[in-house]
C-alpha atoms as a PDB file:
ATOM      1  CA  MET A   1     -41.155  -8.193  22.845  1.00  0.00           C
ATOM      2  CA  VAL A   2     -38.349  -6.837  20.674  1.00  0.00           C
ATOM      3  CA  THR A   3     -36.197  -4.176  22.295  1.00  0.00           C
ATOM      4  CA  LYS A   4     -33.815  -1.627  20.869  1.00  0.00           C
ATOM      5  CA  GLU A   5     -30.973  -3.095  22.912  1.00  0.00           C
ATOM      6  CA  ALA A   6     -31.616  -6.630  21.646  1.00  0.00           C
ATOM      7  CA  LEU A   7     -31.726  -5.473  18.004  1.00  0.00           C
ATOM      8  CA  LEU A   8     -28.519  -3.449  18.405  1.00  0.00           C
ATOM      9  CA  GLU A   9     -26.772  -6.369  20.084  1.00  0.00           C
ATOM     10  CA  TYR A  10     -27.784  -8.708  17.260  1.00  0.00           C
ATOM     11  CA  ILE A  11     -26.620  -6.258  14.564  1.00  0.00           C
ATOM     12  CA  GLN A  12     -23.343  -5.601  16.390  1.00  0.00           C
ATOM     13  CA  GLN A  13     -22.634  -9.342  16.539  1.00  0.00           C
ATOM     14  CA  PHE A  14     -23.558  -9.684  12.847  1.00  0.00           C
ATOM     15  CA  MET A  15     -21.118  -6.890  11.949  1.00  0.00           C
ATOM     16  CA  GLU A  16     -18.339  -8.344  14.110  1.00  0.00           C
ATOM     17  CA  GLU A  17     -18.704 -11.696  12.343  1.00  0.00           C
ATOM     18  CA  ARG A  18     -17.913  -9.810   9.136  1.00  0.00           C
ATOM     19  CA  GLY A  19     -14.880  -8.032  10.561  1.00  0.00           C
ATOM     20  CA  VAL A  20     -16.589  -4.711  11.313  1.00  0.00           C
ATOM     21  CA  LEU A  21     -15.607  -3.870  14.853  1.00  0.00           C
ATOM     22  CA  LEU A  22     -17.610  -1.027  16.358  1.00  0.00           C
ATOM     23  CA  SER A  23     -18.114   0.141  19.909  1.00  0.00           C
ATOM     24  CA  SER A  24     -21.678   0.326  21.152  1.00  0.00           C
ATOM     25  CA  SER A  25     -21.541   4.112  20.896  1.00  0.00           C
ATOM     26  CA  GLU A  26     -20.370   3.977  17.244  1.00  0.00           C
ATOM     27  CA  LEU A  27     -22.902   1.367  16.157  1.00  0.00           C
ATOM     28  CA  GLU A  28     -26.052   3.506  16.113  1.00  0.00           C
ATOM     29  CA  SER A  29     -24.531   6.138  13.817  1.00  0.00           C
ATOM     30  CA  TYR A  30     -22.797   3.634  11.536  1.00  0.00           C
ATOM     31  CA  ASN A  31     -23.890   3.725   7.876  1.00  0.00           C
ATOM     32  CA  PHE A  32     -23.278   0.202   6.581  1.00  0.00           C
ATOM     33  CA  ILE A  33     -23.987   1.203   2.957  1.00  0.00           C
ATOM     34  CA  SER A  34     -21.694   4.223   2.611  1.00  0.00           C
ATOM     35  CA  GLU A  35     -18.948   2.360   4.499  1.00  0.00           C
ATOM     36  CA  GLY A  36     -19.288  -0.593   2.116  1.00  0.00           C
ATOM     37  CA  ALA A  37     -19.464  -2.968   5.062  1.00  0.00           C
ATOM     38  CA  LEU A  38     -22.297  -5.095   3.734  1.00  0.00           C
ATOM     39  CA  ASP A  39     -23.035  -6.155   0.186  1.00  0.00           C
ATOM     40  CA  SER A  40     -26.552  -6.935  -0.997  1.00  0.00           C
ATOM     41  CA  PHE A  41     -26.304 -10.606  -0.019  1.00  0.00           C
ATOM     42  CA  GLU A  42     -25.164  -9.701   3.497  1.00  0.00           C
ATOM     43  CA  ILE A  43     -27.995  -7.166   3.868  1.00  0.00           C
ATOM     44  CA  LEU A  44     -30.408  -9.935   2.891  1.00  0.00           C
ATOM     45  CA  SER A  45     -28.719 -12.253   5.406  1.00  0.00           C
ATOM     46  CA  LEU A  46     -29.010  -9.627   8.124  1.00  0.00           C
ATOM     47  CA  THR A  47     -32.675  -9.081   7.335  1.00  0.00           C
ATOM     48  CA  MET A  48     -33.482 -12.778   7.288  1.00  0.00           C
ATOM     49  CA  GLY A  49     -31.546 -13.279  10.526  1.00  0.00           C
ATOM     50  CA  LEU A  50     -33.441 -10.495  12.271  1.00  0.00           C
ATOM     51  CA  GLU A  51     -36.741 -11.891  11.074  1.00  0.00           C
ATOM     52  CA  ALA A  52     -35.913 -15.414  12.231  1.00  0.00           C
ATOM     53  CA  HIS A  53     -34.312 -14.456  15.544  1.00  0.00           C
ATOM     54  CA  PHE A  54     -36.967 -11.949  16.636  1.00  0.00           C
ATOM     55  CA  SER A  55     -40.018 -13.401  14.857  1.00  0.00           C
ATOM     56  CA  ILE A  56     -40.665 -10.114  13.081  1.00  0.00           C
ATOM     57  CA  VAL A  57     -41.197  -9.075   9.483  1.00  0.00           C
ATOM     58  CA  VAL A  58     -38.833  -6.497   8.044  1.00  0.00           C
ATOM     59  CA  SER A  59     -40.706  -4.615   5.358  1.00  0.00           C
ATOM     60  CA  PRO A  60     -38.860  -4.192   2.058  1.00  0.00           C
ATOM     61  CA  SER A  61     -39.725  -0.499   2.216  1.00  0.00           C
ATOM     62  CA  LEU A  62     -37.495  -0.189   5.297  1.00  0.00           C
ATOM     63  CA  LEU A  63     -34.553  -1.427   3.283  1.00  0.00           C
ATOM     64  CA  LEU A  64     -35.299   0.868   0.346  1.00  0.00           C
ATOM     65  CA  ASP A  65     -35.172   3.975   2.540  1.00  0.00           C
ATOM     66  CA  GLU A  66     -31.549   5.162   2.372  1.00  0.00           C
ATOM     67  CA  ASN A  67     -31.886   6.726   5.841  1.00  0.00           C
ATOM     68  CA  ASN A  68     -32.171   3.199   7.230  1.00  0.00           C
ATOM     69  CA  ALA A  69     -28.605   2.401   6.110  1.00  0.00           C
ATOM     70  CA  ILE A  70     -27.716   3.998   9.448  1.00  0.00           C
ATOM     71  CA  VAL A  71     -28.047   1.267  12.064  1.00  0.00           C
ATOM     72  CA  GLY A  72     -29.884   3.417  14.639  1.00  0.00           C
ATOM     73  CA  ASN A  73     -32.417   4.559  12.044  1.00  0.00           C
ATOM     74  CA  LEU A  74     -33.036   0.986  10.911  1.00  0.00           C
ATOM     75  CA  VAL A  75     -33.591  -0.167  14.469  1.00  0.00           C
ATOM     76  CA  THR A  76     -36.023   2.692  15.155  1.00  0.00           C
ATOM     77  CA  ALA A  77     -37.938   1.964  11.948  1.00  0.00           C
ATOM     78  CA  MET A  78     -38.148  -1.737  12.830  1.00  0.00           C
ATOM     79  CA  LEU A  79     -39.491  -0.934  16.291  1.00  0.00           C
ATOM     80  CA  GLU A  80     -42.087   1.424  14.845  1.00  0.00           C
ATOM     81  CA  GLN A  81     -43.167  -1.226  12.365  1.00  0.00           C
ATOM     82  CA  ALA A  82     -43.470  -3.985  14.985  1.00  0.00           C
END
């Protein structure tokens, strides 16, 4: 079963590998689009990594919703979809 904590941990590690250092408390409210932290290729890499690591499918509609550019919103949407 996929948990919120596991998804957040994965995303935090993904961000750190790209030089974005955030505390756990900052991560959920972080908007990776408006901050310019991830380009389209990196968003695709994150999505594919989440799908492979957690054996889930991330719907393209989740990525099209601009509210899901905030990490906490994306995680919530993924959990609701699962």
